[in-house]
């Protein structure tokens, strides 16, 4: 059975004939947007490199091609979908001779408006929205045992230069601290990532830190709805590393020179002597996260979805929400095509069912960076 991360997300290929796609048109003084049917794209077999502008809906024509004959005349299921979601990376090496990292997480998330989340019960209200899309896609979904699961609380803060030099070059630097019963627990975690729509560019960035302690590298294919309409997918590739704050040597951790020494991937960032990083948006984010059930896509592929709310600490102002689940695998060949088809059908149908919840064109990080009204030039 495929190993899965408990804090989940995903992406896939729909098993049904082209679901209806919509364009969102904002209407003044109207809470619910207006949806217009969009034309079907000419081909679903375009490469992932163009995925930021693609809808990955499966067509009847494509379904007809799903079977082919082998040399012995036996029909077998054609492998499809993996190249779009986890394309191959051109072989290469980092400066120390280690091969490029490979994607080992398939993550799916939908950014949500925060106004729906006013209590712990409201997190499970989204679970009710998931039931019909899951049933229609042939995905088993159960909340049994999860209604008693405790909320998870974490403090999240982002560090960058005043002109967002890191974020504008597709880098993200943040610190996370988990809380239990109102008190911080464990070692604060540093997360450094390079996130980009080009998988090759993401793979070629060596995110490994120059520290004495342990660290963990994760390379994820992240799947989100399209920026401007429902019914499709866009992809980002997140190459990140995590390590404990205690792994850092003594020193001035806000110094940009110190940070570049610790994270050599930032060496190309221009900096002035003595320059420091600041707290982005002058805001510490409080993350409230609830696991809400388990999704079973078949073939041993399961995931635990969660819903999270980000709000500013102090005044508890809601910032943004997120629905997410994640599948972990060792090799792209381990991904089961039928499970992927069910997963993508669920993801696309959920966009329609949850249209009143969804915040298009956003990421949680992007929302924090825009708190002071100065939008960055991000690659997201």
Protein backbone atom coordinates (compact mmCIF):
# COMPACT_ATOMS: atom_id res chain seq x y z
CA UNK A 1 0.00 0.00 0.00
CA UNK A 2 1.20 3.48 -0.84
CA UNK A 3 2.43 5.52 2.13
CA UNK A 4 0.55 8.72 2.77
CA UNK A 5 1.19 11.86 4.71
CA UNK A 6 -1.49 12.58 7.31
CA UNK A 7 -1.58 16.25 6.34
CA UNK A 8 -2.84 15.74 2.89
CA UNK A 9 -3.66 17.09 -0.68
CA UNK A 10 -3.81 15.66 -4.45
CA UNK A 11 -4.35 15.85 -8.32
CA UNK A 12 -5.54 13.58 -11.08
CA UNK A 13 -7.40 12.76 -14.33
CA UNK A 14 -11.19 12.73 -14.53
CA UNK A 15 -12.85 9.41 -15.48
CA UNK A 16 -15.93 10.99 -17.01
CA UNK A 17 -16.69 12.83 -20.20
CA UNK A 18 -15.81 16.50 -20.01
CA UNK A 19 -17.41 18.11 -16.96
CA UNK A 20 -18.80 21.58 -17.44
CA UNK A 21 -16.27 24.39 -16.89
CA UNK A 22 -17.22 27.84 -15.73
CA UNK A 23 -15.81 31.33 -15.88
CA UNK A 24 -16.30 33.51 -12.82
CA UNK A 25 -17.65 36.99 -13.45
CA UNK A 26 -17.75 39.23 -10.37
CA UNK A 27 -21.02 41.11 -9.96
CA UNK A 28 -21.20 44.27 -7.91
CA UNK A 29 -23.09 43.90 -4.64
CA UNK A 30 -23.50 40.17 -5.24
CA UNK A 31 -22.03 37.61 -2.83
CA UNK A 32 -22.24 34.67 -5.24
CA UNK A 33 -20.32 35.06 -8.53
CA UNK A 34 -21.88 34.40 -11.93
CA UNK A 35 -20.66 31.32 -13.81
CA UNK A 36 -20.46 31.06 -17.61
CA UNK A 37 -19.91 27.82 -19.52
CA UNK A 38 -16.52 27.77 -21.27
CA UNK A 39 -15.61 26.09 -24.56
CA UNK A 40 -13.82 22.75 -24.43
CA UNK A 41 -10.08 22.99 -25.13
CA UNK A 42 -8.84 21.21 -28.27
CA UNK A 43 -6.59 18.73 -26.48
CA UNK A 44 -6.11 17.37 -23.00
CA UNK A 45 -2.79 15.76 -23.88
CA UNK A 46 -0.75 18.97 -23.71
CA UNK A 47 2.37 18.82 -21.55
CA UNK A 48 2.53 19.92 -17.95
CA UNK A 49 4.83 22.79 -18.79
CA UNK A 50 1.77 24.61 -20.15
CA UNK A 51 -0.46 23.52 -17.27
CA UNK A 52 -0.93 26.99 -15.80
CA UNK A 53 -3.35 27.70 -18.64
CA UNK A 54 -4.90 24.27 -19.09
CA UNK A 55 -8.07 22.50 -18.02
CA UNK A 56 -7.30 18.81 -17.59
CA UNK A 57 -10.82 17.51 -18.28
CA UNK A 58 -11.07 14.05 -19.81
CA UNK A 59 -12.93 13.90 -23.14
CA UNK A 60 -14.92 11.06 -24.68
CA UNK A 61 -12.35 11.02 -27.47
CA UNK A 62 -9.58 10.48 -24.93
CA UNK A 63 -11.51 7.72 -23.18
CA UNK A 64 -11.75 5.85 -26.45
CA UNK A 65 -7.96 5.85 -26.66
CA UNK A 66 -7.56 4.47 -23.17
CA UNK A 67 -7.25 0.90 -24.49
CA UNK A 68 -4.58 -0.33 -26.87
CA UNK A 69 -3.42 -3.71 -28.18
CA UNK A 70 -0.12 -5.28 -27.25
CA UNK A 71 1.95 -7.29 -29.70
CA UNK A 72 0.04 -10.36 -28.53
CA UNK A 73 -3.30 -8.79 -29.37
CA UNK A 74 -4.35 -8.42 -25.72
CA UNK A 75 -5.99 -5.15 -24.68
CA UNK A 76 -4.34 -3.46 -21.74
CA UNK A 77 -5.02 -0.22 -19.96
CA UNK A 78 -2.96 2.60 -21.38
CA UNK A 79 -0.90 4.53 -18.84
CA UNK A 80 -1.87 8.15 -18.87
CA UNK A 81 -2.08 11.10 -16.55
CA UNK A 82 1.21 10.64 -14.71
CA UNK A 83 3.24 12.63 -17.20
CA UNK A 84 0.87 15.56 -16.83
CA UNK A 85 0.93 15.52 -13.05
CA UNK A 86 4.42 14.24 -12.37
CA UNK A 87 6.47 14.68 -15.58
CA UNK A 88 9.96 13.29 -15.82
CA UNK A 89 12.85 15.52 -14.82
CA UNK A 90 15.85 15.79 -17.13
CA UNK A 91 18.77 14.04 -15.36
CA UNK A 92 21.33 16.27 -13.72
CA UNK A 93 23.44 16.78 -10.62
CA UNK A 94 23.90 19.30 -7.89
CA UNK A 95 27.35 20.77 -7.24
CA UNK A 96 28.34 17.86 -4.95
CA UNK A 97 27.41 15.23 -7.55
CA UNK A 98 24.09 14.20 -5.99
CA UNK A 99 21.32 13.64 -8.58
CA UNK A 100 18.38 16.04 -8.82
CA UNK A 101 15.58 15.33 -6.34
CA UNK A 102 12.43 13.66 -7.68
CA UNK A 103 8.83 14.58 -6.87
CA UNK A 104 7.50 12.27 -4.16
CA UNK A 105 4.34 14.07 -3.06
CA UNK A 106 1.17 14.72 -5.01
CA UNK A 107 -0.68 17.50 -3.24
CA UNK A 108 -4.08 18.94 -3.95
CA UNK A 109 -5.58 22.02 -2.34
CA UNK A 110 -8.42 24.45 -2.75
CA UNK A 111 -8.13 27.92 -1.22
CA UNK A 112 -11.28 28.90 0.67
CA UNK A 113 -12.90 32.12 1.82
CA UNK A 114 -12.37 32.51 5.57
CA UNK A 115 -15.82 33.85 6.46
CA UNK A 116 -17.36 30.34 6.59
CA UNK A 117 -15.20 29.27 9.54
CA UNK A 118 -16.64 30.51 12.80
CA UNK A 119 -16.44 27.38 14.99
CA UNK A 120 -14.98 23.90 15.10
CA UNK A 121 -18.25 22.55 13.73
CA UNK A 122 -17.89 24.74 10.64
CA UNK A 123 -14.82 22.76 9.59
CA UNK A 124 -17.02 19.66 9.32
CA UNK A 125 -19.60 21.64 7.35
CA UNK A 126 -17.12 21.44 4.47
CA UNK A 127 -17.04 17.65 4.91
CA UNK A 128 -20.77 17.66 4.08
CA UNK A 129 -19.98 19.52 0.83
CA UNK A 130 -17.49 16.79 -0.09
CA UNK A 131 -19.93 13.88 0.06
CA UNK A 132 -21.71 14.23 -3.27
CA UNK A 133 -18.54 14.89 -5.35
CA UNK A 134 -16.87 11.91 -3.69
CA UNK A 135 -19.80 9.61 -4.36
CA UNK A 136 -20.05 10.74 -7.98
CA UNK A 137 -16.35 10.07 -8.56
CA UNK A 138 -16.41 6.63 -6.96
CA UNK A 139 -14.32 7.79 -3.99
CA UNK A 140 -15.16 6.51 -0.51
CA UNK A 141 -15.26 9.27 2.09
CA UNK A 142 -15.80 8.74 5.81
CA UNK A 143 -15.64 11.04 8.84
CA UNK A 144 -15.93 8.20 11.34
CA UNK A 145 -13.65 8.81 14.30
CA UNK A 146 -12.55 12.25 13.11
CA UNK A 147 -15.28 14.32 14.78
CA UNK A 148 -13.48 13.73 18.07
CA UNK A 149 -10.03 14.61 16.71
CA UNK A 150 -8.63 17.76 18.36
CA UNK A 151 -7.90 20.96 16.50
CA UNK A 152 -4.26 21.55 15.63
CA UNK A 153 -2.84 25.02 16.29
CA UNK A 154 0.38 26.39 14.79
CA UNK A 155 2.01 29.79 14.68
CA UNK A 156 3.37 30.72 11.22
CA UNK A 157 5.50 33.71 10.28
CA UNK A 158 7.24 34.67 7.03
CA UNK A 159 10.60 36.43 6.65
CA UNK A 160 11.69 38.51 3.65
CA UNK A 161 13.32 41.77 2.64
CA UNK A 162 11.12 44.90 2.62
CA UNK A 163 10.87 44.70 -1.18
CA UNK A 164 9.99 40.96 -1.10
CA UNK A 165 13.19 39.97 -2.87
CA UNK A 166 12.94 36.32 -1.83
CA UNK A 167 9.29 35.85 -2.79
CA UNK A 168 9.74 37.70 -6.08
CA UNK A 169 12.41 35.13 -6.98
CA UNK A 170 10.07 32.22 -6.08
CA UNK A 171 11.62 31.59 -2.63
CA UNK A 172 9.63 31.31 0.60
CA UNK A 173 11.14 31.37 4.10
CA UNK A 174 8.92 30.76 7.10
CA UNK A 175 8.97 29.53 10.68
CA UNK A 176 6.31 27.30 12.25
CA UNK A 177 5.65 26.51 15.92
CA UNK A 178 3.03 23.93 16.98
CA UNK A 179 0.92 24.56 20.09
CA UNK A 180 -0.84 22.20 22.49
CA UNK A 181 -3.16 23.30 25.26
CA UNK A 182 -2.10 26.89 24.64
CA UNK A 183 1.66 26.30 24.88
CA UNK A 184 4.35 25.84 22.19
CA UNK A 185 5.74 22.32 21.90
CA UNK A 186 8.82 20.90 20.24
CA UNK A 187 11.51 22.62 18.25
CA UNK A 188 10.32 25.53 16.06
CA UNK A 189 10.55 24.45 12.42
CA UNK A 190 12.21 26.41 9.62
CA UNK A 191 10.73 25.79 6.15
CA UNK A 192 12.55 27.03 3.06
CA UNK A 193 11.09 26.39 -0.38
CA UNK A 194 11.42 27.22 -4.05
CA UNK A 195 7.98 27.13 -5.70
CA UNK A 196 7.63 27.45 -9.46
CA UNK A 197 5.34 26.24 -12.30
CA UNK A 198 8.35 24.76 -14.14
CA UNK A 199 9.27 21.38 -12.66
CA UNK A 200 12.77 21.42 -14.16
CA UNK A 201 13.59 24.81 -12.63
CA UNK A 202 12.26 23.63 -9.29
CA UNK A 203 14.33 20.44 -9.43
CA UNK A 204 17.56 22.24 -10.30
CA UNK A 205 17.46 24.44 -7.19
CA UNK A 206 19.46 22.77 -4.43
CA UNK A 207 17.49 23.70 -1.32
CA UNK A 208 19.73 21.78 1.12
CA UNK A 209 20.89 23.97 4.02
CA UNK A 210 24.41 24.56 5.26
CA UNK A 211 23.77 23.44 8.84
CA UNK A 212 25.17 20.84 11.23
CA UNK A 213 21.84 19.33 12.23
CA UNK A 214 19.36 17.10 10.41
CA UNK A 215 17.03 18.30 7.69
CA UNK A 216 14.33 16.83 5.45
CA UNK A 217 13.82 17.63 1.76
CA UNK A 218 10.36 17.37 0.21
CA UNK A 219 9.56 17.84 -3.48
CA UNK A 220 5.85 18.24 -4.20
CA UNK A 221 3.59 18.61 -7.21
CA UNK A 222 0.89 20.98 -5.97
CA UNK A 223 -2.47 21.09 -7.75
CA UNK A 224 -4.89 24.01 -7.44
CA UNK A 225 -7.92 25.26 -9.37
CA UNK A 226 -7.27 27.64 -12.24
CA UNK A 227 -6.71 31.26 -11.26
CA UNK A 228 -9.77 32.73 -12.99
CA UNK A 229 -12.38 29.97 -13.31
CA UNK A 230 -13.66 26.74 -11.83
CA UNK A 231 -13.47 23.32 -13.46
CA UNK A 232 -9.76 22.95 -14.18
CA UNK A 233 -6.29 22.50 -12.71
CA UNK A 234 -3.04 24.42 -12.47
CA UNK A 235 0.20 23.10 -11.07
CA UNK A 236 3.07 24.43 -9.01
CA UNK A 237 6.17 22.52 -7.97
CA UNK A 238 7.38 23.08 -4.42
CA UNK A 239 10.96 22.03 -3.65
CA UNK A 240 11.44 22.56 0.06
CA UNK A 241 13.54 21.68 3.08
CA UNK A 242 12.59 21.57 6.75
CA UNK A 243 14.82 21.66 9.82
CA UNK A 244 14.62 22.63 13.46
CA UNK A 245 15.57 26.06 14.71
CA UNK A 246 17.98 24.39 17.15
CA UNK A 247 20.08 23.22 14.17
CA UNK A 248 21.19 26.80 13.52
CA UNK A 249 24.43 28.11 14.89
CA UNK A 250 24.47 31.07 17.22
CA UNK A 251 24.35 34.37 15.39
CA UNK A 252 22.16 37.09 14.00
CA UNK A 253 19.47 35.05 12.28
CA UNK A 254 17.78 38.14 10.78
CA UNK A 255 20.94 39.04 8.84
CA UNK A 256 20.52 38.38 5.10
CA UNK A 257 24.20 37.45 4.86
CA UNK A 258 23.72 34.86 7.62
CA UNK A 259 20.61 33.48 5.90
CA UNK A 260 22.41 33.18 2.55
CA UNK A 261 25.26 31.35 4.27
CA UNK A 262 22.71 28.98 5.82
CA UNK A 263 20.72 28.60 2.55
CA UNK A 264 23.18 28.70 -0.39
CA UNK A 265 20.32 28.55 -2.90
CA UNK A 266 19.81 32.26 -2.14
CA UNK A 267 23.34 33.21 -3.24
CA UNK A 268 22.05 34.82 -6.45
CA UNK A 269 19.84 37.27 -4.50
CA UNK A 270 21.31 40.77 -4.49
CA UNK A 271 21.98 42.14 -1.03
CA UNK A 272 23.65 45.06 0.67
CA UNK A 273 26.10 44.78 3.58
CA UNK A 274 24.27 44.54 6.90
CA UNK A 275 20.86 44.01 5.27
CA UNK A 276 18.23 42.20 7.32
CA UNK A 277 14.97 40.38 6.71
CA UNK A 278 11.72 41.44 8.35
CA UNK A 279 8.44 39.88 9.42
CA UNK A 280 6.23 39.92 6.29
CA UNK A 281 3.15 42.08 6.75
CA UNK A 282 4.15 42.68 10.39
CA UNK A 283 1.88 39.69 11.02
CA UNK A 284 2.16 36.42 12.90
CA UNK A 285 -0.33 33.94 11.49
CA UNK A 286 -2.31 31.56 13.68
CA UNK A 287 -3.17 28.38 11.79
CA UNK A 288 -6.15 26.33 13.00
CA UNK A 289 -6.29 22.94 11.29
CA UNK A 290 -8.79 20.09 11.52
CA UNK A 291 -8.52 16.61 10.00
CA UNK A 292 -12.05 15.87 8.76
CA UNK A 293 -12.07 12.28 7.48
CA UNK A 294 -10.44 9.82 5.12
CA UNK A 295 -10.65 9.58 1.32
CA UNK A 296 -10.21 6.17 -0.33
CA UNK A 297 -9.45 6.32 -4.07
CA UNK A 298 -9.00 2.57 -4.42
CA UNK A 299 -5.89 0.48 -5.16
CA UNK A 300 -4.61 1.20 -1.66
CA UNK A 301 -4.50 4.97 -2.21
CA UNK A 302 -6.00 6.83 0.74
CA UNK A 303 -5.53 10.29 2.18
CA UNK A 304 -6.61 12.28 5.22
CA UNK A 305 -8.09 15.63 4.11
CA UNK A 306 -7.97 18.64 6.36
CA UNK A 307 -9.44 22.11 6.48
CA UNK A 308 -7.40 25.02 7.82
CA UNK A 309 -8.07 28.62 8.74
CA UNK A 310 -5.34 31.27 8.83
CA UNK A 311 -5.97 34.32 10.98
CA UNK A 312 -3.76 37.07 12.38
CA UNK A 313 -2.67 36.71 15.98
CA UNK A 314 -3.87 39.30 18.43
CA UNK A 315 -7.01 40.54 16.71
CA UNK A 316 -7.88 37.06 15.29
CA UNK A 317 -8.76 38.60 11.93
CA UNK A 318 -9.58 35.78 9.43
CA UNK A 319 -7.19 35.83 6.47
CA UNK A 320 -7.79 32.75 4.30
CA UNK A 321 -8.87 29.11 4.47
CA UNK A 322 -7.76 25.94 2.74
CA UNK A 323 -8.95 22.41 1.99
CA UNK A 324 -6.10 19.98 1.35
CA UNK A 325 -4.92 16.38 1.09
CA UNK A 326 -1.69 14.70 0.04
CA UNK A 327 -0.38 11.40 -1.33
CA UNK A 328 3.21 10.28 -0.78
CA UNK A 329 4.98 7.87 -3.15
CA UNK A 330 8.52 6.72 -3.84
CA UNK A 331 8.42 6.63 -7.66
CA UNK A 332 6.05 8.17 -10.20
CA UNK A 333 5.45 4.64 -11.54
CA UNK A 334 3.84 3.78 -8.18
CA UNK A 335 0.90 6.08 -8.92
CA UNK A 336 -2.20 4.04 -9.86
CA UNK A 337 -3.98 5.38 -12.95
CA UNK A 338 -7.47 4.39 -11.85
CA UNK A 339 -7.01 6.03 -8.46
CA UNK A 340 -5.71 9.16 -10.20
CA UNK A 341 -8.77 9.29 -12.44
CA UNK A 342 -11.09 9.03 -9.45
CA UNK A 343 -9.11 11.66 -7.61
CA UNK A 344 -9.20 14.19 -10.39
CA UNK A 345 -12.91 13.60 -10.98
CA UNK A 346 -13.47 14.30 -7.29
CA UNK A 347 -11.29 17.42 -7.33
CA UNK A 348 -13.10 18.89 -10.35
CA UNK A 349 -16.58 18.04 -9.04
CA UNK A 350 -15.73 19.49 -5.63
CA UNK A 351 -14.93 22.84 -7.24
CA UNK A 352 -18.50 23.04 -8.51
CA UNK A 353 -20.07 21.80 -5.26
CA UNK A 354 -17.99 24.21 -3.14
CA UNK A 355 -18.12 27.21 -5.49
CA UNK A 356 -19.55 29.45 -2.75
CA UNK A 357 -16.55 28.60 -0.54
CA UNK A 358 -13.70 29.02 -3.03
CA UNK A 359 -11.27 31.95 -3.32
CA UNK A 360 -9.84 31.75 -6.84
CA UNK A 361 -6.34 32.90 -7.77
CA UNK A 362 -5.00 32.92 -4.21
CA UNK A 363 -2.48 31.05 -2.11
CA UNK A 364 -2.16 31.29 1.67
CA UNK A 365 1.34 32.73 1.37
CA UNK A 366 0.24 35.25 -1.25
CA UNK A 367 -2.52 36.53 1.03
CA UNK A 368 -0.01 37.25 3.82
CA UNK A 369 2.31 39.07 1.41
CA UNK A 370 -0.55 41.33 0.30
CA UNK A 371 -1.66 42.37 3.78
CA UNK A 372 0.04 45.78 3.53
CA UNK A 373 -1.33 46.45 0.05
CA UNK A 374 1.96 46.03 -1.86
CA UNK A 375 1.56 43.01 -4.16
CA UNK A 376 4.70 41.00 -4.87
CA UNK A 377 5.73 39.75 -8.31
CA UNK A 378 5.27 36.07 -7.52
CA UNK A 379 5.59 32.99 -9.75
CA UNK A 380 2.40 31.49 -8.32
